[in-house]
PDB file of N, CA and C in Angstrom:
ATOM      1  N   MET A   1      89.176  56.241  53.442  1.00  0.00           N
ATOM      2  CA  MET A   1      88.153  55.425  52.969  1.00  0.00           C
ATOM      3  C   MET A   1      86.790  55.719  53.991  1.00  0.00           C
ATOM      4  N   ARG A   2      86.844  56.094  54.951  1.00  0.00           N
ATOM      5  CA  ARG A   2      85.713  56.627  55.590  1.00  0.00           C
ATOM      6  C   ARG A   2      85.275  57.849  55.143  1.00  0.00           C
ATOM      7  N   LYS A   3      86.041  58.523  54.537  1.00  0.00           N
ATOM      8  CA  LYS A   3      85.533  59.812  53.865  1.00  0.00           C
ATOM      9  C   LYS A   3      84.549  59.519  52.783  1.00  0.00           C
ATOM     10  N   ASP A   4      84.689  58.672  52.008  1.00  0.00           N
ATOM     11  CA  ASP A   4      84.251  58.313  50.958  1.00  0.00           C
ATOM     12  C   ASP A   4      82.432  57.156  51.176  1.00  0.00           C
ATOM     13  N   ALA A   5      82.908  56.989  52.200  1.00  0.00           N
ATOM     14  CA  ALA A   5      81.731  55.847  53.010  1.00  0.00           C
ATOM     15  C   ALA A   5      80.411  57.194  53.306  1.00  0.00           C
ATOM     16  N   GLY A   6      81.041  58.227  53.776  1.00  0.00           N
ATOM     17  CA  GLY A   6      80.227  59.141  54.496  1.00  0.00           C
ATOM     18  C   GLY A   6      79.689  60.196  53.113  1.00  0.00           C
ATOM     19  N   GLN A   7      80.039  60.077  52.353  1.00  0.00           N
ATOM     20  CA  GLN A   7      79.896  60.474  51.324  1.00  0.00           C
ATOM     21  C   GLN A   7      78.708  59.867  50.371  1.00  0.00           C
ATOM     22  N   ILE A   8      79.178  58.340  50.299  1.00  0.00           N
ATOM     23  CA  ILE A   8      77.930  57.977  49.927  1.00  0.00           C
ATOM     24  C   ILE A   8      76.816  57.817  50.621  1.00  0.00           C
ATOM     25  N   LEU A   9      76.974  57.420  51.625  1.00  0.00           N
ATOM     26  CA  LEU A   9      75.556  57.541  52.783  1.00  0.00           C
ATOM     27  C   LEU A   9      74.911  58.480  52.745  1.00  0.00           C
ATOM     28  N   THR A  10      75.593  60.156  52.434  1.00  0.00           N
ATOM     29  CA  THR A  10      74.704  61.075  52.345  1.00  0.00           C
ATOM     30  C   THR A  10      74.112  61.051  51.133  1.00  0.00           C
ATOM     31  N   SER A  11      74.534  60.998  50.326  1.00  0.00           N
ATOM     32  CA  SER A  11      74.041  60.818  48.621  1.00  0.00           C
ATOM     33  C   SER A  11      72.833  59.863  48.688  1.00  0.00           C
ATOM     34  N   VAL A  12      72.902  58.765  49.068  1.00  0.00           N
ATOM     35  CA  VAL A  12      72.095  57.496  49.426  1.00  0.00           C
ATOM     36  C   VAL A  12      70.961  58.098  50.117  1.00  0.00           C
ATOM     37  N   LEU A  13      71.006  58.831  51.219  1.00  0.00           N
ATOM     38  CA  LEU A  13      70.372  59.456  51.916  1.00  0.00           C
ATOM     39  C   LEU A  13      69.130  60.621  51.558  1.00  0.00           C
ATOM     40  N   VAL A  14      69.898  61.535  50.632  1.00  0.00           N
ATOM     41  CA  VAL A  14      69.402  62.731  49.776  1.00  0.00           C
ATOM     42  C   VAL A  14      68.438  61.399  48.423  1.00  0.00           C
ATOM     43  N   PHE A  15      69.407  60.791  47.857  1.00  0.00           N
ATOM     44  CA  PHE A  15      68.082  60.222  46.592  1.00  0.00           C
ATOM     45  C   PHE A  15      66.783  59.473  47.347  1.00  0.00           C
ATOM     46  N   MET A  16      67.300  59.038  48.396  1.00  0.00           N
ATOM     47  CA  MET A  16      65.848  58.539  49.248  1.00  0.00           C
ATOM     48  C   MET A  16      65.020  59.731  49.321  1.00  0.00           C
ATOM     49  N   ALA A  17      65.315  60.557  50.125  1.00  0.00           N
ATOM     50  CA  ALA A  17      64.625  61.581  50.672  1.00  0.00           C
ATOM     51  C   ALA A  17      64.055  62.093  49.307  1.00  0.00           C
ATOM     52  N   PHE A  18      64.696  62.241  48.322  1.00  0.00           N
ATOM     53  CA  PHE A  18      64.263  62.835  46.962  1.00  0.00           C
ATOM     54  C   PHE A  18      63.117  61.901  46.310  1.00  0.00           C
ATOM     55  N   GLY A  19      63.642  60.205  46.246  1.00  0.00           N
ATOM     56  CA  GLY A  19      62.364  59.369  46.023  1.00  0.00           C
ATOM     57  C   GLY A  19      61.066  59.297  46.586  1.00  0.00           C
ATOM     58  N   LEU A  20      61.275  59.518  47.794  1.00  0.00           N
ATOM     59  CA  LEU A  20      60.187  59.328  48.348  1.00  0.00           C
ATOM     60  C   LEU A  20      58.988  60.904  48.540  1.00  0.00           C
ATOM     61  N   SER A  21      59.924  61.918  48.159  1.00  0.00           N
ATOM     62  CA  SER A  21      58.759  63.125  47.819  1.00  0.00           C
ATOM     63  C   SER A  21      58.365  62.929  46.352  1.00  0.00           C
ATOM     64  N   VAL A  22      58.842  62.218  45.573  1.00  0.00           N
ATOM     65  CA  VAL A  22      58.106  62.166  44.324  1.00  0.00           C
ATOM     66  C   VAL A  22      57.151  61.256  44.360  1.00  0.00           C
ATOM     67  N   ILE A  23      57.243  59.992  45.348  1.00  0.00           N
ATOM     68  CA  ILE A  23      56.606  58.957  45.405  1.00  0.00           C
ATOM     69  C   ILE A  23      55.443  59.852  46.297  1.00  0.00           C
ATOM     70  N   ALA A  24      55.299  60.379  47.340  1.00  0.00           N
ATOM     71  CA  ALA A  24      53.989  60.872  47.852  1.00  0.00           C
ATOM     72  C   ALA A  24      53.500  62.203  47.483  1.00  0.00           C
ATOM     73  N   LEU A  25      54.050  62.551  46.621  1.00  0.00           N
ATOM     74  CA  LEU A  25      53.619  63.801  45.425  1.00  0.00           C
ATOM     75  C   LEU A  25      52.841  63.030  44.347  1.00  0.00           C
ATOM     76  N   SER A  26      53.497  62.090  44.151  1.00  0.00           N
ATOM     77  CA  SER A  26      52.373  60.869  42.975  1.00  0.00           C
ATOM     78  C   SER A  26      51.021  60.591  43.606  1.00  0.00           C
ATOM     79  N   ALA A  27      51.480  60.057  44.674  1.00  0.00           N
ATOM     80  CA  ALA A  27      50.373  59.525  45.592  1.00  0.00           C
ATOM     81  C   ALA A  27      49.100  60.755  45.698  1.00  0.00           C
ATOM     82  N   THR A  28      49.637  61.862  46.149  1.00  0.00           N
ATOM     83  CA  THR A  28      48.852  62.710  46.417  1.00  0.00           C
ATOM     84  C   THR A  28      47.878  63.430  45.159  1.00  0.00           C
ATOM     85  N   LEU A  29      48.567  63.512  44.122  1.00  0.00           N
ATOM     86  CA  LEU A  29      48.177  63.832  43.009  1.00  0.00           C
ATOM     87  C   LEU A  29      47.212  62.733  42.376  1.00  0.00           C
ATOM     88  N   THR A  30      47.124  61.670  42.560  1.00  0.00           N
ATOM     89  CA  THR A  30      46.447  60.454  42.201  1.00  0.00           C
ATOM     90  C   THR A  30      45.199  60.484  42.827  1.00  0.00           C
ATOM     91  N   ILE A  31      45.253  60.459  44.344  1.00  0.00           N
ATOM     92  CA  ILE A  31      44.044  60.616  44.627  1.00  0.00           C
ATOM     93  C   ILE A  31      43.245  62.048  44.359  1.00  0.00           C
ATOM     94  N   ILE A  32      43.830  63.028  44.497  1.00  0.00           N
ATOM     95  CA  ILE A  32      43.046  64.073  43.913  1.00  0.00           C
ATOM     96  C   ILE A  32      42.080  63.999  42.464  1.00  0.00           C
ATOM     97  N   ASN A  33      43.177  63.828  41.762  1.00  0.00           N
ATOM     98  CA  ASN A  33      42.613  63.233  40.377  1.00  0.00           C
ATOM     99  C   ASN A  33      41.021  62.032  40.612  1.00  0.00           C
ATOM    100  N   ILE A  34      41.199  61.131  41.384  1.00  0.00           N
ATOM    101  CA  ILE A  34      40.420  59.984  41.528  1.00  0.00           C
ATOM    102  C   ILE A  34      38.936  60.888  42.221  1.00  0.00           C
ATOM    103  N   GLN A  35      39.443  61.995  43.174  1.00  0.00           N
ATOM    104  CA  GLN A  35      38.601  62.249  43.624  1.00  0.00           C
ATOM    105  C   GLN A  35      37.371  63.189  42.801  1.00  0.00           C
ATOM    106  N   ASN A  36      38.403  64.088  41.628  1.00  0.00           N
ATOM    107  CA  ASN A  36      37.543  64.986  40.970  1.00  0.00           C
ATOM    108  C   ASN A  36      37.165  63.992  39.749  1.00  0.00           C
ATOM    109  N   THR A  37      37.455  63.065  39.445  1.00  0.00           N
ATOM    110  CA  THR A  37      36.661  62.553  38.553  1.00  0.00           C
ATOM    111  C   THR A  37      35.112  61.615  39.125  1.00  0.00           C
ATOM    112  N   ALA A  38      35.254  61.514  40.645  1.00  0.00           N
ATOM    113  CA  ALA A  38      34.071  60.708  41.308  1.00  0.00           C
ATOM    114  C   ALA A  38      33.078  62.202  41.305  1.00  0.00           C
ATOM    115  N   LYS A  39      33.562  63.163  41.289  1.00  0.00           N
ATOM    116  CA  LYS A  39      32.979  64.634  41.435  1.00  0.00           C
ATOM    117  C   LYS A  39      32.534  64.887  39.951  1.00  0.00           C
ATOM    118  N   LEU A  40      32.968  64.501  38.606  1.00  0.00           N
ATOM    119  CA  LEU A  40      32.352  64.529  37.514  1.00  0.00           C
ATOM    120  C   LEU A  40      31.851  63.776  37.129  1.00  0.00           C
ATOM    121  N   ALA A  41      31.685  62.509  37.180  1.00  0.00           N
ATOM    122  CA  ALA A  41      30.572  61.576  37.469  1.00  0.00           C
ATOM    123  C   ALA A  41      29.300  61.869  37.897  1.00  0.00           C
ATOM    124  N   GLN A  42      29.302  62.600  39.485  1.00  0.00           N
ATOM    125  CA  GLN A  42      27.993  62.735  39.880  1.00  0.00           C
ATOM    126  C   GLN A  42      27.735  63.989  39.280  1.00  0.00           C
ATOM    127  N   SER A  43      28.313  64.787  38.812  1.00  0.00           N
ATOM    128  CA  SER A  43      27.887  66.162  38.392  1.00  0.00           C
ATOM    129  C   SER A  43      27.306  65.805  36.458  1.00  0.00           C
ATOM    130  N   GLU A  44      27.581  64.846  36.289  1.00  0.00           N
ATOM    131  CA  GLU A  44      26.855  64.397  34.501  1.00  0.00           C
ATOM    132  C   GLU A  44      25.879  63.469  35.095  1.00  0.00           C
ATOM    133  N   GLN A  45      25.806  62.672  35.886  1.00  0.00           N
ATOM    134  CA  GLN A  45      24.411  61.711  36.351  1.00  0.00           C
ATOM    135  C   GLN A  45      23.172  63.195  36.755  1.00  0.00           C
ATOM    136  N   ALA A  46      23.596  64.057  37.551  1.00  0.00           N
ATOM    137  CA  ALA A  46      22.655  65.490  37.279  1.00  0.00           C
ATOM    138  C   ALA A  46      22.291  65.594  36.412  1.00  0.00           C
ATOM    139  N   SER A  47      22.800  65.809  35.308  1.00  0.00           N
ATOM    140  CA  SER A  47      22.891  66.321  33.945  1.00  0.00           C
ATOM    141  C   SER A  47      21.693  64.994  33.432  1.00  0.00           C
ATOM    142  N   ASN A  48      22.491  63.834  33.346  1.00  0.00           N
ATOM    143  CA  ASN A  48      21.276  63.093  32.373  1.00  0.00           C
ATOM    144  C   ASN A  48      19.976  63.117  33.202  1.00  0.00           C
ATOM    145  N   TYR A  49      19.907  63.003  34.654  1.00  0.00           N
ATOM    146  CA  TYR A  49      18.615  62.993  35.380  1.00  0.00           C
ATOM    147  C   TYR A  49      17.747  64.213  34.902  1.00  0.00           C
ATOM    148  N   ALA A  50      18.588  65.471  34.885  1.00  0.00           N
ATOM    149  CA  ALA A  50      17.680  66.410  34.166  1.00  0.00           C
ATOM    150  C   ALA A  50      17.177  66.595  33.154  1.00  0.00           C
ATOM    151  N   GLU A  51      17.758  65.535  32.015  1.00  0.00           N
ATOM    152  CA  GLU A  51      17.441  65.681  30.825  1.00  0.00           C
ATOM    153  C   GLU A  51      16.364  64.564  30.708  1.00  0.00           C
ATOM    154  N   ALA A  52      16.426  63.497  31.405  1.00  0.00           N
ATOM    155  CA  ALA A  52      15.476  62.769  31.848  1.00  0.00           C
ATOM    156  C   ALA A  52      13.975  63.067  32.288  1.00  0.00           C
ATOM    157  N   GLY A  53      14.509  63.881  32.968  1.00  0.00           N
ATOM    158  CA  GLY A  53      13.148  64.675  33.543  1.00  0.00           C
ATOM    159  C   GLY A  53      12.179  65.761  32.642  1.00  0.00           C
ATOM    160  N   ALA A  54      13.230  66.312  31.370  1.00  0.00           N
ATOM    161  CA  ALA A  54      12.450  66.962  30.382  1.00  0.00           C
ATOM    162  C   ALA A  54      11.874  65.979  29.132  1.00  0.00           C
ATOM    163  N   GLU A  55      12.697  65.081  29.075  1.00  0.00           N
ATOM    164  CA  GLU A  55      12.188  63.886  28.089  1.00  0.00           C
ATOM    165  C   GLU A  55      10.984  63.085  28.607  1.00  0.00           C
ATOM    166  N   GLU A  56      10.692  62.729  29.955  1.00  0.00           N
ATOM    167  CA  GLU A  56       9.434  62.905  30.696  1.00  0.00           C
ATOM    168  C   GLU A  56       8.140  63.474  30.511  1.00  0.00           C
ATOM    169  N   ALA A  57       8.777  64.829  30.828  1.00  0.00           N
ATOM    170  CA  ALA A  57       7.500  65.957  30.709  1.00  0.00           C
ATOM    171  C   ALA A  57       7.073  65.655  29.332  1.00  0.00           C
ATOM    172  N   ILE A  58       8.304  65.552  27.935  1.00  0.00           N
ATOM    173  CA  ILE A  58       7.811  65.598  26.418  1.00  0.00           C
ATOM    174  C   ILE A  58       6.612  64.400  26.202  1.00  0.00           C
ATOM    175  N   LEU A  59       7.046  63.327  27.154  1.00  0.00           N
ATOM    176  CA  LEU A  59       6.525  61.994  27.066  1.00  0.00           C
ATOM    177  C   LEU A  59       4.474  62.301  27.611  1.00  0.00           C
ATOM    178  N   ARG A  60       4.767  63.149  28.755  1.00  0.00           N
ATOM    179  CA  ARG A  60       3.735  63.104  29.322  1.00  0.00           C
ATOM    180  C   ARG A  60       2.733  64.023  28.646  1.00  0.00           C
ATOM    181  N   LEU A  61       3.229  65.366  27.982  1.00  0.00           N
ATOM    182  CA  LEU A  61       2.508  66.328  27.096  1.00  0.00           C
ATOM    183  C   LEU A  61       1.875  65.326  25.644  1.00  0.00           C
ATOM    184  N   ILE A  62       2.625  64.210  25.412  1.00  0.00           N
ATOM    185  CA  ILE A  62       2.153  63.839  24.119  1.00  0.00           C
ATOM    186  C   ILE A  62       1.147  62.932  24.657  1.00  0.00           C
ATOM    187  N   ARG A  63       0.836  62.575  25.949  1.00  0.00           N
ATOM    188  CA  ARG A  63      -0.523  61.694  26.208  1.00  0.00           C
ATOM    189  C   ARG A  63      -1.463  63.034  26.733  1.00  0.00           C
ATOM    190  N   ASP A  64      -1.058  63.843  27.424  1.00  0.00           N
ATOM    191  CA  ASP A  64      -2.160  64.878  28.008  1.00  0.00           C
ATOM    192  C   ASP A  64      -1.269  66.017  27.997  1.00  0.00           C
ATOM    193  N   PRO A  65      -2.037  66.722  26.763  1.00  0.00           N
ATOM    194  CA  PRO A  65      -1.111  68.443  26.545  1.00  0.00           C
ATOM    195  C   PRO A  65      -1.919  69.454  27.697  1.00  0.00           C
ATOM    196  N   SER A  66      -2.544  68.773  28.741  1.00  0.00           N
ATOM    197  CA  SER A  66      -2.813  69.670  29.940  1.00  0.00           C
ATOM    198  C   SER A  66      -1.426  70.045  30.941  1.00  0.00           C
ATOM    199  N   TYR A  67      -0.311  68.612  30.948  1.00  0.00           N
ATOM    200  CA  TYR A  67       0.016  68.257  31.885  1.00  0.00           C
ATOM    201  C   TYR A  67       1.070  69.633  32.278  1.00  0.00           C
ATOM    202  N   THR A  68       0.832  69.936  33.590  1.00  0.00           N
ATOM    203  CA  THR A  68       2.076  71.001  33.858  1.00  0.00           C
ATOM    204  C   THR A  68       3.158  70.898  34.506  1.00  0.00           C
ATOM    205  N   ASP A  69       2.933  69.979  35.835  1.00  0.00           N
ATOM    206  CA  ASP A  69       4.505  69.557  36.753  1.00  0.00           C
ATOM    207  C   ASP A  69       4.312  68.363  37.175  1.00  0.00           C
ATOM    208  N   GLY A  70       5.304  68.210  37.919  1.00  0.00           N
ATOM    209  CA  GLY A  70       5.634  66.733  38.864  1.00  0.00           C
ATOM    210  C   GLY A  70       7.102  66.669  39.195  1.00  0.00           C
ATOM    211  N   SER A  71       7.035  65.322  39.861  1.00  0.00           N
ATOM    212  CA  SER A  71       8.190  65.076  40.073  1.00  0.00           C
ATOM    213  C   SER A  71       8.614  63.686  40.237  1.00  0.00           C
ATOM    214  N   LEU A  72       9.866  63.450  39.904  1.00  0.00           N
ATOM    215  CA  LEU A  72      10.492  62.190  39.931  1.00  0.00           C
ATOM    216  C   LEU A  72      11.694  61.838  40.718  1.00  0.00           C
ATOM    217  N   PRO A  73      11.160  60.664  41.940  1.00  0.00           N
ATOM    218  CA  PRO A  73      12.149  60.795  42.795  1.00  0.00           C
ATOM    219  C   PRO A  73      13.166  59.571  42.323  1.00  0.00           C
ATOM    220  N   ILE A  74      14.232  59.823  42.545  1.00  0.00           N
ATOM    221  CA  ILE A  74      15.452  58.707  42.222  1.00  0.00           C
ATOM    222  C   ILE A  74      15.610  57.828  43.202  1.00  0.00           C
ATOM    223  N   SER A  75      16.078  58.770  44.057  1.00  0.00           N
ATOM    224  CA  SER A  75      16.266  58.015  45.079  1.00  0.00           C
ATOM    225  C   SER A  75      16.140  58.682  46.532  1.00  0.00           C
ATOM    226  N   THR A  76      16.852  57.985  47.848  1.00  0.00           N
ATOM    227  CA  THR A  76      16.451  59.320  49.349  1.00  0.00           C
ATOM    228  C   THR A  76      17.205  60.572  49.049  1.00  0.00           C
ATOM    229  N   ASP A  77      18.353  60.656  48.293  1.00  0.00           N
ATOM    230  CA  ASP A  77      18.765  62.038  48.022  1.00  0.00           C
ATOM    231  C   ASP A  77      18.820  62.609  46.736  1.00  0.00           C
ATOM    232  N   SER A  78      17.920  61.836  45.512  1.00  0.00           N
ATOM    233  CA  SER A  78      17.906  62.531  44.384  1.00  0.00           C
ATOM    234  C   SER A  78      16.690  62.663  43.884  1.00  0.00           C
ATOM    235  N   VAL A  79      16.375  63.875  43.206  1.00  0.00           N
ATOM    236  CA  VAL A  79      15.176  63.889  42.570  1.00  0.00           C
ATOM    237  C   VAL A  79      14.871  64.645  41.252  1.00  0.00           C
ATOM    238  N   ILE A  80      13.508  64.586  40.366  1.00  0.00           N
ATOM    239  CA  ILE A  80      13.836  65.360  39.600  1.00  0.00           C
ATOM    240  C   ILE A  80      12.432  66.470  39.324  1.00  0.00           C
ATOM    241  N   GLY A  81      12.396  67.315  39.513  1.00  0.00           N
ATOM    242  CA  GLY A  81      11.498  68.468  39.374  1.00  0.00           C
ATOM    243  C   GLY A  81      11.052  68.908  38.161  1.00  0.00           C
ATOM    244  N   ILE A  82       9.808  68.884  37.731  1.00  0.00           N
ATOM    245  CA  ILE A  82       9.440  69.319  36.476  1.00  0.00           C
ATOM    246  C   ILE A  82       8.602  70.307  36.257  1.00  0.00           C
ATOM    247  N   VAL A  83       8.754  71.587  35.470  1.00  0.00           N
ATOM    248  CA  VAL A  83       7.928  72.558  35.412  1.00  0.00           C
ATOM    249  C   VAL A  83       7.313  72.575  34.187  1.00  0.00           C
ATOM    250  N   VAL A  84       6.355  72.497  33.496  1.00  0.00           N
ATOM    251  CA  VAL A  84       5.634  73.058  32.745  1.00  0.00           C
ATOM    252  C   VAL A  84       4.945  74.549  32.117  1.00  0.00           C
ATOM    253  N   THR A  85       5.226  75.503  31.361  1.00  0.00           N
ATOM    254  CA  THR A  85       4.634  76.692  31.665  1.00  0.00           C
ATOM    255  C   THR A  85       3.995  76.626  30.287  1.00  0.00           C
ATOM    256  N   GLY A  86       3.363  77.800  29.804  1.00  0.00           N
ATOM    257  CA  GLY A  86       2.935  78.389  28.505  1.00  0.00           C
ATOM    258  C   GLY A  86       1.396  77.879  28.251  1.00  0.00           C
ATOM    259  N   THR A  87       1.336  78.507  27.558  1.00  0.00           N
ATOM    260  CA  THR A  87      -0.373  78.631  26.817  1.00  0.00           C
ATOM    261  C   THR A  87      -0.559  78.317  25.402  1.00  0.00           C
ATOM    262  N   GLY A  88      -1.665  77.581  25.140  1.00  0.00           N
ATOM    263  CA  GLY A  88      -1.510  77.644  23.395  1.00  0.00           C
ATOM    264  C   GLY A  88      -0.812  76.582  23.364  1.00  0.00           C
ATOM    265  N   ASP A  89      -0.248  77.047  22.010  1.00  0.00           N
ATOM    266  CA  ASP A  89       0.535  75.909  21.150  1.00  0.00           C
ATOM    267  C   ASP A  89       2.269  75.616  22.270  1.00  0.00           C
ATOM    268  N   ASP A  90       2.801  76.912  22.578  1.00  0.00           N
ATOM    269  CA  ASP A  90       4.203  76.790  23.036  1.00  0.00           C
ATOM    270  C   ASP A  90       4.071  76.762  24.683  1.00  0.00           C
ATOM    271  N   ARG A  91       5.127  75.787  25.127  1.00  0.00           N
ATOM    272  CA  ARG A  91       5.485  75.279  26.138  1.00  0.00           C
ATOM    273  C   ARG A  91       6.890  75.384  26.308  1.00  0.00           C
ATOM    274  N   THR A  92       7.112  75.351  27.707  1.00  0.00           N
ATOM    275  CA  THR A  92       8.299  75.554  28.155  1.00  0.00           C
ATOM    276  C   THR A  92       8.757  74.673  28.948  1.00  0.00           C
ATOM    277  N   ILE A  93       9.636  73.875  29.241  1.00  0.00           N
ATOM    278  CA  ILE A  93       9.598  72.521  30.240  1.00  0.00           C
ATOM    279  C   ILE A  93      11.034  72.768  30.879  1.00  0.00           C
ATOM    280  N   THR A  94      10.929  72.917  32.160  1.00  0.00           N
ATOM    281  CA  THR A  94      12.095  73.454  33.319  1.00  0.00           C
ATOM    282  C   THR A  94      12.317  71.942  33.841  1.00  0.00           C
ATOM    283  N   SER A  95      13.399  70.974  33.634  1.00  0.00           N
ATOM    284  CA  SER A  95      13.500  70.054  34.562  1.00  0.00           C
ATOM    285  C   SER A  95      14.566  70.606  35.388  1.00  0.00           C
ATOM    286  N   THR A  96      14.918  70.207  36.597  1.00  0.00           N
ATOM    287  CA  THR A  96      15.924  70.309  37.685  1.00  0.00           C
ATOM    288  C   THR A  96      16.024  69.086  38.368  1.00  0.00           C
ATOM    289  N   ALA A  97      17.258  68.730  38.392  1.00  0.00           N
ATOM    290  CA  ALA A  97      17.654  67.218  38.868  1.00  0.00           C
ATOM    291  C   ALA A  97      18.762  67.996  39.889  1.00  0.00           C
ATOM    292  N   THR A  98      18.443  66.923  41.211  1.00  0.00           N
ATOM    293  CA  THR A  98      19.567  67.053  42.015  1.00  0.00           C
ATOM    294  C   THR A  98      20.169  65.537  42.256  1.00  0.00           C
ATOM    295  N   TYR A  99      21.194  65.376  42.454  1.00  0.00           N
ATOM    296  CA  TYR A  99      22.057  64.404  42.666  1.00  0.00           C
ATOM    297  C   TYR A  99      23.163  64.552  43.470  1.00  0.00           C
ATOM    298  N   ASN A 100      23.365  63.991  44.804  1.00  0.00           N
ATOM    299  CA  ASN A 100      24.563  63.961  45.660  1.00  0.00           C
ATOM    300  C   ASN A 100      24.731  66.003  45.717  1.00  0.00           C
ATOM    301  N   GLY A 101      23.858  66.236  45.879  1.00  0.00           N
ATOM    302  CA  GLY A 101      24.658  67.711  46.158  1.00  0.00           C
ATOM    303  C   GLY A 101      24.943  68.596  44.863  1.00  0.00           C
ATOM    304  N   PHE A 102      24.810  67.952  43.731  1.00  0.00           N
ATOM    305  CA  PHE A 102      24.819  68.527  42.470  1.00  0.00           C
ATOM    306  C   PHE A 102      23.344  69.154  41.714  1.00  0.00           C
ATOM    307  N   THR A 103      23.414  70.118  41.400  1.00  0.00           N
ATOM    308  CA  THR A 103      21.896  70.539  40.365  1.00  0.00           C
ATOM    309  C   THR A 103      22.237  70.998  39.287  1.00  0.00           C
ATOM    310  N   LYS A 104      21.154  70.144  38.271  1.00  0.00           N
ATOM    311  CA  LYS A 104      21.517  70.622  36.822  1.00  0.00           C
ATOM    312  C   LYS A 104      20.087  70.740  36.471  1.00  0.00           C
ATOM    313  N   LYS A 105      19.944  72.006  35.759  1.00  0.00           N
ATOM    314  CA  LYS A 105      18.400  72.165  34.924  1.00  0.00           C
ATOM    315  C   LYS A 105      18.441  72.156  33.752  1.00  0.00           C
ATOM    316  N   VAL A 106      18.096  71.787  32.948  1.00  0.00           N
ATOM    317  CA  VAL A 106      17.387  71.826  31.220  1.00  0.00           C
ATOM    318  C   VAL A 106      15.860  72.518  31.062  1.00  0.00           C
ATOM    319  N   LEU A 107      16.334  73.240  30.076  1.00  0.00           N
ATOM    320  CA  LEU A 107      15.145  74.010  29.565  1.00  0.00           C
ATOM    321  C   LEU A 107      14.909  73.719  28.083  1.00  0.00           C
ATOM    322  N   ALA A 108      13.440  73.082  27.990  1.00  0.00           N
ATOM    323  CA  ALA A 108      13.267  72.502  26.553  1.00  0.00           C
ATOM    324  C   ALA A 108      11.960  73.574  26.190  1.00  0.00           C
ATOM    325  N   GLN A 109      12.119  74.296  25.056  1.00  0.00           N
ATOM    326  CA  GLN A 109      10.915  74.706  24.704  1.00  0.00           C
ATOM    327  C   GLN A 109      10.147  73.817  23.361  1.00  0.00           C
ATOM    328  N   VAL A 110       8.755  73.429  23.539  1.00  0.00           N
ATOM    329  CA  VAL A 110       8.436  72.267  22.609  1.00  0.00           C
ATOM    330  C   VAL A 110       7.049  73.342  22.077  1.00  0.00           C
ATOM    331  N   SER A 111       6.378  72.579  20.783  1.00  0.00           N
ATOM    332  CA  SER A 111       5.393  73.500  20.009  1.00  0.00           C
ATOM    333  C   SER A 111       4.389  72.189  20.095  1.00  0.00           C
ATOM    334  N   LEU A 112       2.687  72.476  20.664  1.00  0.00           N
ATOM    335  CA  LEU A 112       2.052  71.357  20.580  1.00  0.00           C
ATOM    336  C   LEU A 112       0.785  71.509  19.623  1.00  0.00           C
ATOM    337  N   ALA A 113       1.237  71.784  17.964  1.00  0.00           N
ATOM    338  CA  ALA A 113       0.275  72.099  16.920  1.00  0.00           C
ATOM    339  C   ALA A 113      -0.108  71.141  16.605  1.00  0.00           C
ATOM    340  N   ASN A 114      -0.837  70.876  15.946  1.00  0.00           N
ATOM    341  CA  ASN A 114      -1.727  69.597  15.331  1.00  0.00           C
ATOM    342  C   ASN A 114      -1.775  68.489  16.272  1.00  0.00           C
ATOM    343  N   ASN A 115      -1.783  68.277  17.280  1.00  0.00           N
ATOM    344  CA  ASN A 115      -1.911  66.737  17.990  1.00  0.00           C
ATOM    345  C   ASN A 115      -0.471  66.621  17.995  1.00  0.00           C
ATOM    346  N   LYS A 116       0.764  67.064  17.642  1.00  0.00           N
ATOM    347  CA  LYS A 116       1.963  66.514  17.541  1.00  0.00           C
ATOM    348  C   LYS A 116       2.931  67.542  18.280  1.00  0.00           C
ATOM    349  N   VAL A 117       3.724  67.208  19.377  1.00  0.00           N
ATOM    350  CA  VAL A 117       4.644  67.813  19.805  1.00  0.00           C
ATOM    351  C   VAL A 117       5.986  68.019  19.046  1.00  0.00           C
ATOM    352  N   THR A 118       6.435  69.134  18.699  1.00  0.00           N
ATOM    353  CA  THR A 118       7.820  69.487  18.139  1.00  0.00           C
ATOM    354  C   THR A 118       8.806  70.201  19.167  1.00  0.00           C
ATOM    355  N   LEU A 119       9.795  69.258  19.503  1.00  0.00           N
ATOM    356  CA  LEU A 119      10.993  70.338  20.103  1.00  0.00           C
ATOM    357  C   LEU A 119      11.700  71.486  19.458  1.00  0.00           C
ATOM    358  N   VAL A 120      11.240  72.478  19.800  1.00  0.00           N
ATOM    359  CA  VAL A 120      12.009  74.056  19.272  1.00  0.00           C
ATOM    360  C   VAL A 120      13.191  73.963  19.711  1.00  0.00           C
ATOM    361  N   SER A 121      13.738  74.095  21.110  1.00  0.00           N
ATOM    362  CA  SER A 121      15.282  74.184  21.788  1.00  0.00           C
ATOM    363  C   SER A 121      15.198  73.404  22.619  1.00  0.00           C
ATOM    364  N   TRP A 122      16.525  73.124  23.178  1.00  0.00           N
ATOM    365  CA  TRP A 122      16.651  72.035  24.395  1.00  0.00           C
ATOM    366  C   TRP A 122      18.175  72.629  24.837  1.00  0.00           C
ATOM    367  N   LYS A 123      18.159  73.677  26.232  1.00  0.00           N
ATOM    368  CA  LYS A 123      19.522  73.555  26.727  1.00  0.00           C
ATOM    369  C   LYS A 123      19.358  73.489  27.765  1.00  0.00           C
ATOM    370  N   GLN A 124      21.126  73.189  28.122  1.00  0.00           N
ATOM    371  CA  GLN A 124      21.202  72.878  30.063  1.00  0.00           C
ATOM    372  C   GLN A 124      21.758  74.137  30.462  1.00  0.00           C
ATOM    373  N   ILE A 125      20.819  74.751  31.475  1.00  0.00           N
ATOM    374  CA  ILE A 125      20.670  76.239  31.954  1.00  0.00           C
ATOM    375  C   ILE A 125      21.892  76.283  33.159  1.00  0.00           C
ATOM    376  N   ILE A 126      22.318  75.170  33.835  1.00  0.00           N
ATOM    377  CA  ILE A 126      22.953  75.296  35.225  1.00  0.00           C
ATOM    378  C   ILE A 126      23.936  74.163  34.979  1.00  0.00           C
TER     379      ILE A 126
END
């Protein structure tokens, strides 16, 4: 009987060690997944800010066709930089946003013909 009790105790200890390893691995993977999700959300927020900057530049061009650049502070660690280049009817808007260490850039090309702003192209370049 003593031999069986020792085998059972050994088996229980092995299964417990395996179970604890699985739990520790699951917890580690969950923490990594949460961190990656937070980073993805921050990257997406930087993209949203860059797009908002390009949209703001388009609005400013509608109001004032001579608009060339500006910045929009979002918070103490976030800012949108806007640069408008080009002459005549064709303009290029570059909006760069930084949020929590993530930087995203949107490039938009517009035409200002006949007192009307027309979007020619829009792309995220970073």
